[in-house]
Amino acid sequence: MATALKMHVRKGDTVVVLAGKDKGKQGKIIQALPKKSKVVIEGVNKVKRHTKPSQTNPSRRHHC
């Protein structure tokens, strides 16, 4: 397991993503994880989950 290092950023700071698919995006730090040397940034790396079409969640496509 990685050792916890003193982080130079803290919760509430605004940061810019330097790498990955969200490179260049700005956001506020929601959570700092010093043991993993990571931070969770608001609005970055969002995951879209597929939901099966139903009456409450109808499909957007209409087949004629």
N, C-alpha and C. Protein backbone atom coordinates (compact mmCIF):
# COMPACT_ATOMS: atom_id res chain seq x y z
N MET A 1 0.84 -1.19 0.00
CA MET A 1 0.00 0.00 0.00
C MET A 1 0.87 1.24 0.00
N ALA A 2 0.44 2.27 -0.70
CA ALA A 2 1.21 3.51 -0.81
C ALA A 2 1.23 4.25 0.53
N THR A 3 2.33 4.92 0.80
CA THR A 3 2.42 5.70 2.03
C THR A 3 1.73 7.04 1.83
N ALA A 4 1.13 7.53 2.90
CA ALA A 4 0.42 8.81 2.82
C ALA A 4 1.42 9.95 2.86
N LEU A 5 1.41 10.75 1.80
CA LEU A 5 2.29 11.91 1.73
C LEU A 5 1.49 13.16 2.01
N LYS A 6 2.16 14.22 2.46
CA LYS A 6 1.47 15.48 2.68
C LYS A 6 1.11 16.05 1.31
N MET A 7 -0.18 16.34 1.14
CA MET A 7 -0.65 16.83 -0.14
C MET A 7 -0.59 18.36 -0.17
N HIS A 8 -0.28 18.92 -1.33
CA HIS A 8 -0.17 20.37 -1.47
C HIS A 8 -1.49 21.01 -1.89
N VAL A 9 -2.54 20.20 -2.03
CA VAL A 9 -3.88 20.71 -2.33
C VAL A 9 -4.82 20.20 -1.25
N ARG A 10 -5.94 20.89 -1.07
CA ARG A 10 -6.90 20.45 -0.08
C ARG A 10 -8.33 20.62 -0.60
N LYS A 11 -9.27 20.06 0.14
CA LYS A 11 -10.68 20.11 -0.22
C LYS A 11 -11.13 21.55 -0.41
N GLY A 12 -11.83 21.80 -1.53
CA GLY A 12 -12.31 23.15 -1.81
C GLY A 12 -11.45 23.92 -2.80
N ASP A 13 -10.21 23.48 -3.03
CA ASP A 13 -9.33 24.13 -4.00
C ASP A 13 -9.83 23.87 -5.42
N THR A 14 -9.62 24.84 -6.31
CA THR A 14 -9.94 24.66 -7.72
C THR A 14 -8.68 24.22 -8.44
N VAL A 15 -8.79 23.14 -9.21
CA VAL A 15 -7.63 22.58 -9.89
C VAL A 15 -7.92 22.34 -11.37
N VAL A 16 -6.86 22.13 -12.15
CA VAL A 16 -6.97 21.80 -13.58
C VAL A 16 -6.42 20.40 -13.77
N VAL A 17 -7.15 19.55 -14.50
CA VAL A 17 -6.72 18.18 -14.78
C VAL A 17 -5.61 18.22 -15.81
N LEU A 18 -4.48 17.56 -15.52
CA LEU A 18 -3.31 17.58 -16.40
C LEU A 18 -3.22 16.38 -17.33
N ALA A 19 -3.91 15.28 -17.00
CA ALA A 19 -3.78 14.06 -17.81
C ALA A 19 -5.11 13.33 -17.89
N GLY A 20 -5.21 12.44 -18.87
CA GLY A 20 -6.41 11.62 -19.03
C GLY A 20 -7.40 12.22 -20.00
N LYS A 21 -8.56 11.58 -20.11
CA LYS A 21 -9.55 12.03 -21.09
C LYS A 21 -10.18 13.36 -20.73
N ASP A 22 -10.11 13.76 -19.46
CA ASP A 22 -10.67 15.04 -19.01
C ASP A 22 -9.59 16.12 -18.89
N LYS A 23 -8.48 15.95 -19.59
CA LYS A 23 -7.37 16.89 -19.56
C LYS A 23 -7.84 18.31 -19.92
N GLY A 24 -7.44 19.28 -19.10
CA GLY A 24 -7.79 20.67 -19.36
C GLY A 24 -9.03 21.14 -18.61
N LYS A 25 -9.83 20.21 -18.09
CA LYS A 25 -11.03 20.60 -17.36
C LYS A 25 -10.67 21.14 -15.98
N GLN A 26 -11.48 22.10 -15.51
CA GLN A 26 -11.29 22.67 -14.18
C GLN A 26 -12.40 22.19 -13.27
N GLY A 27 -12.10 22.10 -11.99
CA GLY A 27 -13.12 21.70 -11.04
C GLY A 27 -12.65 21.89 -9.62
N LYS A 28 -13.60 21.81 -8.70
CA LYS A 28 -13.30 21.97 -7.28
C LYS A 28 -13.07 20.59 -6.67
N ILE A 29 -12.12 20.48 -5.76
CA ILE A 29 -11.84 19.21 -5.09
C ILE A 29 -12.96 18.93 -4.10
N ILE A 30 -13.60 17.76 -4.25
CA ILE A 30 -14.67 17.33 -3.36
C ILE A 30 -14.08 16.53 -2.20
N GLN A 31 -13.07 15.70 -2.53
CA GLN A 31 -12.52 14.78 -1.55
C GLN A 31 -11.03 14.57 -1.84
N ALA A 32 -10.21 14.56 -0.80
CA ALA A 32 -8.78 14.29 -0.95
C ALA A 32 -8.48 12.92 -0.35
N LEU A 33 -7.74 12.09 -1.09
CA LEU A 33 -7.38 10.75 -0.63
C LEU A 33 -5.85 10.64 -0.54
N PRO A 34 -5.25 11.14 0.54
CA PRO A 34 -3.78 11.16 0.63
C PRO A 34 -3.14 9.78 0.64
N LYS A 35 -3.81 8.76 1.15
CA LYS A 35 -3.22 7.40 1.16
C LYS A 35 -3.07 6.85 -0.24
N LYS A 36 -3.97 7.25 -1.16
CA LYS A 36 -3.90 6.82 -2.56
C LYS A 36 -3.24 7.88 -3.44
N SER A 37 -2.88 9.02 -2.85
CA SER A 37 -2.33 10.17 -3.58
C SER A 37 -3.26 10.61 -4.72
N LYS A 38 -4.56 10.68 -4.41
CA LYS A 38 -5.57 11.06 -5.39
C LYS A 38 -6.53 12.08 -4.80
N VAL A 39 -7.23 12.78 -5.70
CA VAL A 39 -8.30 13.67 -5.29
C VAL A 39 -9.52 13.41 -6.18
N VAL A 40 -10.71 13.70 -5.64
CA VAL A 40 -11.95 13.57 -6.40
C VAL A 40 -12.36 14.98 -6.77
N ILE A 41 -12.56 15.22 -8.09
CA ILE A 41 -12.85 16.56 -8.59
C ILE A 41 -14.28 16.60 -9.11
N GLU A 42 -14.98 17.67 -8.76
CA GLU A 42 -16.37 17.87 -9.15
C GLU A 42 -16.52 17.96 -10.67
N GLY A 43 -17.41 17.16 -11.25
CA GLY A 43 -17.72 17.23 -12.67
C GLY A 43 -16.71 16.58 -13.60
N VAL A 44 -15.75 15.83 -13.06
CA VAL A 44 -14.72 15.20 -13.88
C VAL A 44 -14.86 13.68 -13.79
N ASN A 45 -14.65 13.01 -14.93
CA ASN A 45 -14.72 11.54 -15.01
C ASN A 45 -16.09 11.01 -14.62
N LYS A 46 -17.14 11.65 -15.13
CA LYS A 46 -18.49 11.18 -14.87
C LYS A 46 -18.76 9.94 -15.70
N VAL A 47 -19.52 9.00 -15.13
CA VAL A 47 -19.83 7.75 -15.80
C VAL A 47 -21.31 7.75 -16.17
N LYS A 48 -21.62 7.45 -17.45
CA LYS A 48 -23.00 7.33 -17.90
C LYS A 48 -23.37 5.86 -17.82
N ARG A 49 -24.47 5.57 -17.16
CA ARG A 49 -24.89 4.19 -16.99
C ARG A 49 -26.07 3.89 -17.91
N HIS A 50 -26.02 2.76 -18.61
CA HIS A 50 -27.11 2.37 -19.49
C HIS A 50 -28.29 1.89 -18.64
N THR A 51 -29.50 2.37 -18.97
CA THR A 51 -30.70 1.89 -18.31
C THR A 51 -31.63 1.29 -19.34
N LYS A 52 -32.20 0.15 -19.02
CA LYS A 52 -33.09 -0.55 -19.94
C LYS A 52 -34.37 0.26 -20.15
N PRO A 53 -34.82 0.44 -21.41
CA PRO A 53 -36.06 1.19 -21.65
C PRO A 53 -37.26 0.53 -20.96
N SER A 54 -38.11 1.36 -20.36
CA SER A 54 -39.33 0.89 -19.72
C SER A 54 -40.38 1.99 -19.86
N GLN A 55 -41.56 1.80 -19.28
CA GLN A 55 -42.59 2.83 -19.37
C GLN A 55 -42.15 4.10 -18.64
N THR A 56 -41.48 3.95 -17.51
CA THR A 56 -41.00 5.12 -16.77
C THR A 56 -39.78 5.75 -17.43
N ASN A 57 -38.99 4.93 -18.15
CA ASN A 57 -37.80 5.42 -18.84
C ASN A 57 -37.87 4.97 -20.30
N PRO A 58 -38.72 5.63 -21.12
CA PRO A 58 -38.86 5.18 -22.51
C PRO A 58 -37.62 5.47 -23.35
N SER A 59 -37.43 4.66 -24.39
CA SER A 59 -36.31 4.84 -25.31
C SER A 59 -36.55 6.10 -26.14
N ARG A 60 -35.49 6.80 -26.51
CA ARG A 60 -35.61 8.02 -27.29
C ARG A 60 -35.83 7.72 -28.79
N ARG A 61 -35.47 6.52 -29.23
CA ARG A 61 -35.60 6.16 -30.64
C ARG A 61 -37.01 5.63 -30.92
N HIS A 62 -37.53 6.02 -32.05
CA HIS A 62 -38.85 5.54 -32.46
C HIS A 62 -38.71 4.82 -33.80
N HIS A 63 -39.12 3.58 -33.84
CA HIS A 63 -39.06 2.80 -35.08
C HIS A 63 -40.42 2.87 -35.76
N CYS A 64 -40.42 3.23 -37.05
CA CYS A 64 -41.69 3.37 -37.80
C CYS A 64 -41.99 2.12 -38.58
